[in-house]
């Protein structure tokens, strides 16, 4: 695939619709460590990077694009991080509502579930070791 500096390098890039693109970018950057990669217009769209190869596009409301409504979850964005507890604390300290504190799963993942603004979730996870189980 040919590189294009105006397009995120990830193979799959979710587009999340927000009523206020700038506020969403500010929150995602502060609470979850996303970095603004490209801004298209002041409030039209922004490309955000996360980690080595993750990306998301934040888009404004318009045409067929509608933001999620409160009271339901319409998207879950899973972001792998090296330290779940630190990522959890950062999100909480920047105003994310805690849905699930970090939990160690039997399949070797430690994860938590702080929501993104407007009925979305940013599921944070990290591998902590291998466990064996009998089936």
C-alpha atoms as a PDB file:
ATOM      1  CA  UNK A   1       0.000   0.000   0.000  1.00  0.00           C
ATOM      2  CA  UNK A   2       1.327   3.415  -0.914  1.00  0.00           C
ATOM      3  CA  UNK A   3       1.947   5.860   1.959  1.00  0.00           C
ATOM      4  CA  UNK A   4      -0.036   9.091   2.039  1.00  0.00           C
ATOM      5  CA  UNK A   5       0.897  11.537   4.803  1.00  0.00           C
ATOM      6  CA  UNK A   6      -2.673  12.857   4.956  1.00  0.00           C
ATOM      7  CA  UNK A   7      -4.116   9.415   5.768  1.00  0.00           C
ATOM      8  CA  UNK A   8      -3.438   7.503   9.021  1.00  0.00           C
ATOM      9  CA  UNK A   9      -1.103   4.521   8.519  1.00  0.00           C
ATOM     10  CA  UNK A  10      -3.431   1.999  10.200  1.00  0.00           C
ATOM     11  CA  UNK A  11      -5.322  -0.530   8.081  1.00  0.00           C
ATOM     12  CA  UNK A  12      -8.617   0.102   9.896  1.00  0.00           C
ATOM     13  CA  UNK A  13      -9.437   3.648  10.979  1.00  0.00           C
ATOM     14  CA  UNK A  14     -12.746   4.164  12.817  1.00  0.00           C
ATOM     15  CA  UNK A  15     -14.555   7.447  12.227  1.00  0.00           C
ATOM     16  CA  UNK A  16     -16.352   8.655  15.356  1.00  0.00           C
ATOM     17  CA  UNK A  17     -18.914  11.448  15.044  1.00  0.00           C
ATOM     18  CA  UNK A  18     -19.009  14.111  17.760  1.00  0.00           C
ATOM     19  CA  UNK A  19     -21.100  17.280  18.019  1.00  0.00           C
ATOM     20  CA  UNK A  20     -17.972  19.254  19.023  1.00  0.00           C
ATOM     21  CA  UNK A  21     -14.815  18.019  17.271  1.00  0.00           C
ATOM     22  CA  UNK A  22     -12.425  20.336  19.160  1.00  0.00           C
ATOM     23  CA  UNK A  23     -13.824  19.351  22.577  1.00  0.00           C
ATOM     24  CA  UNK A  24     -13.585  15.652  21.662  1.00  0.00           C
ATOM     25  CA  UNK A  25      -9.963  16.059  20.515  1.00  0.00           C
ATOM     26  CA  UNK A  26      -9.066  17.911  23.719  1.00  0.00           C
ATOM     27  CA  UNK A  27     -10.666  15.249  25.929  1.00  0.00           C
ATOM     28  CA  UNK A  28      -9.244  12.250  24.032  1.00  0.00           C
ATOM     29  CA  UNK A  29      -5.774  13.811  24.085  1.00  0.00           C
ATOM     30  CA  UNK A  30      -5.831  14.688  27.796  1.00  0.00           C
ATOM     31  CA  UNK A  31      -7.623  11.614  29.145  1.00  0.00           C
ATOM     32  CA  UNK A  32      -6.387   8.861  26.850  1.00  0.00           C
ATOM     33  CA  UNK A  33      -3.122  10.080  25.334  1.00  0.00           C
ATOM     34  CA  UNK A  34      -4.287  10.439  21.723  1.00  0.00           C
ATOM     35  CA  UNK A  35      -2.255  12.916  19.674  1.00  0.00           C
ATOM     36  CA  UNK A  36      -3.748  15.121  16.995  1.00  0.00           C
ATOM     37  CA  UNK A  37      -2.088  14.186  13.718  1.00  0.00           C
ATOM     38  CA  UNK A  38      -4.041  16.279  11.226  1.00  0.00           C
ATOM     39  CA  UNK A  39      -6.720  18.960  11.551  1.00  0.00           C
ATOM     40  CA  UNK A  40      -9.089  19.524   8.642  1.00  0.00           C
ATOM     41  CA  UNK A  41     -10.854  22.826   9.205  1.00  0.00           C
ATOM     42  CA  UNK A  42     -11.341  24.279  12.663  1.00  0.00           C
ATOM     43  CA  UNK A  43     -14.276  22.061  13.597  1.00  0.00           C
ATOM     44  CA  UNK A  44     -14.826  19.669  10.667  1.00  0.00           C
ATOM     45  CA  UNK A  45     -12.539  16.694  11.260  1.00  0.00           C
ATOM     46  CA  UNK A  46      -9.346  15.603  12.998  1.00  0.00           C
ATOM     47  CA  UNK A  47      -7.123  12.548  12.706  1.00  0.00           C
ATOM     48  CA  UNK A  48      -5.769  11.256  15.996  1.00  0.00           C
ATOM     49  CA  UNK A  49      -2.910   8.827  16.528  1.00  0.00           C
ATOM     50  CA  UNK A  50      -2.461   6.487  19.463  1.00  0.00           C
ATOM     51  CA  UNK A  51       0.452   4.166  20.109  1.00  0.00           C
ATOM     52  CA  UNK A  52       2.696   3.076  17.267  1.00  0.00           C
ATOM     53  CA  UNK A  53       0.047   2.494  14.617  1.00  0.00           C
ATOM     54  CA  UNK A  54      -3.423   3.227  15.986  1.00  0.00           C
ATOM     55  CA  UNK A  55      -5.631   5.937  14.565  1.00  0.00           C
ATOM     56  CA  UNK A  56      -9.121   7.338  14.792  1.00  0.00           C
ATOM     57  CA  UNK A  57     -10.857  10.108  12.898  1.00  0.00           C
ATOM     58  CA  UNK A  58     -13.120  12.498  14.789  1.00  0.00           C
ATOM     59  CA  UNK A  59     -15.785  13.952  12.496  1.00  0.00           C
ATOM     60  CA  UNK A  60     -18.444  16.605  12.888  1.00  0.00           C
ATOM     61  CA  UNK A  61     -22.176  16.039  12.678  1.00  0.00           C
ATOM     62  CA  UNK A  62     -23.507  16.552   9.167  1.00  0.00           C
ATOM     63  CA  UNK A  63     -25.389  14.844   6.358  1.00  0.00           C
ATOM     64  CA  UNK A  64     -25.840  11.209   7.348  1.00  0.00           C
ATOM     65  CA  UNK A  65     -23.339  11.510  10.224  1.00  0.00           C
ATOM     66  CA  UNK A  66     -25.104  11.577  13.573  1.00  0.00           C
ATOM     67  CA  UNK A  67     -23.586  11.413  17.057  1.00  0.00           C
ATOM     68  CA  UNK A  68     -24.678   8.650  19.420  1.00  0.00           C
ATOM     69  CA  UNK A  69     -27.447   9.458  21.840  1.00  0.00           C
ATOM     70  CA  UNK A  70     -27.027   9.332  25.635  1.00  0.00           C
ATOM     71  CA  UNK A  71     -28.261   6.171  27.307  1.00  0.00           C
ATOM     72  CA  UNK A  72     -26.756   3.658  24.887  1.00  0.00           C
ATOM     73  CA  UNK A  73     -23.325   2.484  23.805  1.00  0.00           C
ATOM     74  CA  UNK A  74     -22.731   2.569  20.071  1.00  0.00           C
ATOM     75  CA  UNK A  75     -18.957   2.058  19.816  1.00  0.00           C
ATOM     76  CA  UNK A  76     -16.165   0.442  21.773  1.00  0.00           C
ATOM     77  CA  UNK A  77     -12.601   1.407  20.875  1.00  0.00           C
ATOM     78  CA  UNK A  78     -10.044  -1.046  22.259  1.00  0.00           C
ATOM     79  CA  UNK A  79      -6.612   0.478  22.891  1.00  0.00           C
ATOM     80  CA  UNK A  80      -3.745  -1.682  24.123  1.00  0.00           C
ATOM     81  CA  UNK A  81      -1.492   0.100  26.602  1.00  0.00           C
ATOM     82  CA  UNK A  82       1.609  -1.025  28.502  1.00  0.00           C
ATOM     83  CA  UNK A  83       0.232  -0.003  31.928  1.00  0.00           C
ATOM     84  CA  UNK A  84      -3.532  -0.326  32.427  1.00  0.00           C
ATOM     85  CA  UNK A  85      -3.525   1.129  35.944  1.00  0.00           C
ATOM     86  CA  UNK A  86      -1.731   4.293  34.792  1.00  0.00           C
ATOM     87  CA  UNK A  87      -4.023   4.650  31.751  1.00  0.00           C
ATOM     88  CA  UNK A  88      -7.060   4.141  33.998  1.00  0.00           C
ATOM     89  CA  UNK A  89      -5.888   6.788  36.483  1.00  0.00           C
ATOM     90  CA  UNK A  90      -5.154   9.282  33.697  1.00  0.00           C
ATOM     91  CA  UNK A  91      -8.615   8.837  32.165  1.00  0.00           C
ATOM     92  CA  UNK A  92     -10.334   9.101  35.557  1.00  0.00           C
ATOM     93  CA  UNK A  93      -8.295  12.200  36.485  1.00  0.00           C
ATOM     94  CA  UNK A  94      -9.446  13.902  33.267  1.00  0.00           C
ATOM     95  CA  UNK A  95     -13.137  13.284  33.903  1.00  0.00           C
ATOM     96  CA  UNK A  96     -13.866   9.865  32.391  1.00  0.00           C
ATOM     97  CA  UNK A  97     -16.645   8.097  34.267  1.00  0.00           C
ATOM     98  CA  UNK A  98     -15.548   4.711  35.616  1.00  0.00           C
ATOM     99  CA  UNK A  99     -17.623   1.833  34.287  1.00  0.00           C
ATOM    100  CA  UNK A 100     -15.190  -0.899  35.262  1.00  0.00           C
ATOM    101  CA  UNK A 101     -11.959  -0.590  37.227  1.00  0.00           C
ATOM    102  CA  UNK A 102      -8.954  -2.631  36.036  1.00  0.00           C
ATOM    103  CA  UNK A 103      -9.598  -6.379  36.196  1.00  0.00           C
ATOM    104  CA  UNK A 104      -7.285  -9.333  35.594  1.00  0.00           C
ATOM    105  CA  UNK A 105      -8.907 -11.800  33.196  1.00  0.00           C
ATOM    106  CA  UNK A 106      -8.195 -15.535  33.215  1.00  0.00           C
ATOM    107  CA  UNK A 107      -6.874 -15.362  29.640  1.00  0.00           C
ATOM    108  CA  UNK A 108      -3.940 -13.109  30.582  1.00  0.00           C
ATOM    109  CA  UNK A 109      -5.310  -9.622  29.983  1.00  0.00           C
ATOM    110  CA  UNK A 110      -5.738  -6.815  32.464  1.00  0.00           C
ATOM    111  CA  UNK A 111      -8.341  -4.341  31.269  1.00  0.00           C
ATOM    112  CA  UNK A 112     -10.737  -1.576  32.254  1.00  0.00           C
ATOM    113  CA  UNK A 113     -13.598   0.258  30.625  1.00  0.00           C
ATOM    114  CA  UNK A 114     -13.699   4.064  30.943  1.00  0.00           C
ATOM    115  CA  UNK A 115     -16.167   5.641  28.500  1.00  0.00           C
ATOM    116  CA  UNK A 116     -15.411   8.179  25.808  1.00  0.00           C
ATOM    117  CA  UNK A 117     -17.729  11.175  25.683  1.00  0.00           C
ATOM    118  CA  UNK A 118     -21.124  10.651  24.039  1.00  0.00           C
ATOM    119  CA  UNK A 119     -21.969   6.959  24.487  1.00  0.00           C
ATOM    120  CA  UNK A 120     -18.726   5.328  23.405  1.00  0.00           C
ATOM    121  CA  UNK A 121     -16.195   3.333  25.358  1.00  0.00           C
ATOM    122  CA  UNK A 122     -12.408   3.202  25.274  1.00  0.00           C
ATOM    123  CA  UNK A 123     -11.536  -0.277  26.443  1.00  0.00           C
ATOM    124  CA  UNK A 124      -7.936  -0.307  27.765  1.00  0.00           C
ATOM    125  CA  UNK A 125      -6.031  -3.573  27.983  1.00  0.00           C
ATOM    126  CA  UNK A 126      -2.552  -4.999  28.525  1.00  0.00           C
ATOM    127  CA  UNK A 127      -1.182  -8.523  28.641  1.00  0.00           C
ATOM    128  CA  UNK A 128       0.250  -9.395  32.042  1.00  0.00           C
ATOM    129  CA  UNK A 129       1.414 -12.980  31.594  1.00  0.00           C
ATOM    130  CA  UNK A 130       0.252 -16.329  30.415  1.00  0.00           C
ATOM    131  CA  UNK A 131      -2.032 -18.448  32.461  1.00  0.00           C
ATOM    132  CA  UNK A 132      -2.942 -22.019  31.769  1.00  0.00           C
ATOM    133  CA  UNK A 133      -6.389 -23.447  32.159  1.00  0.00           C
ATOM    134  CA  UNK A 134      -7.864 -26.864  31.618  1.00  0.00           C
ATOM    135  CA  UNK A 135     -10.803 -27.279  29.308  1.00  0.00           C
END
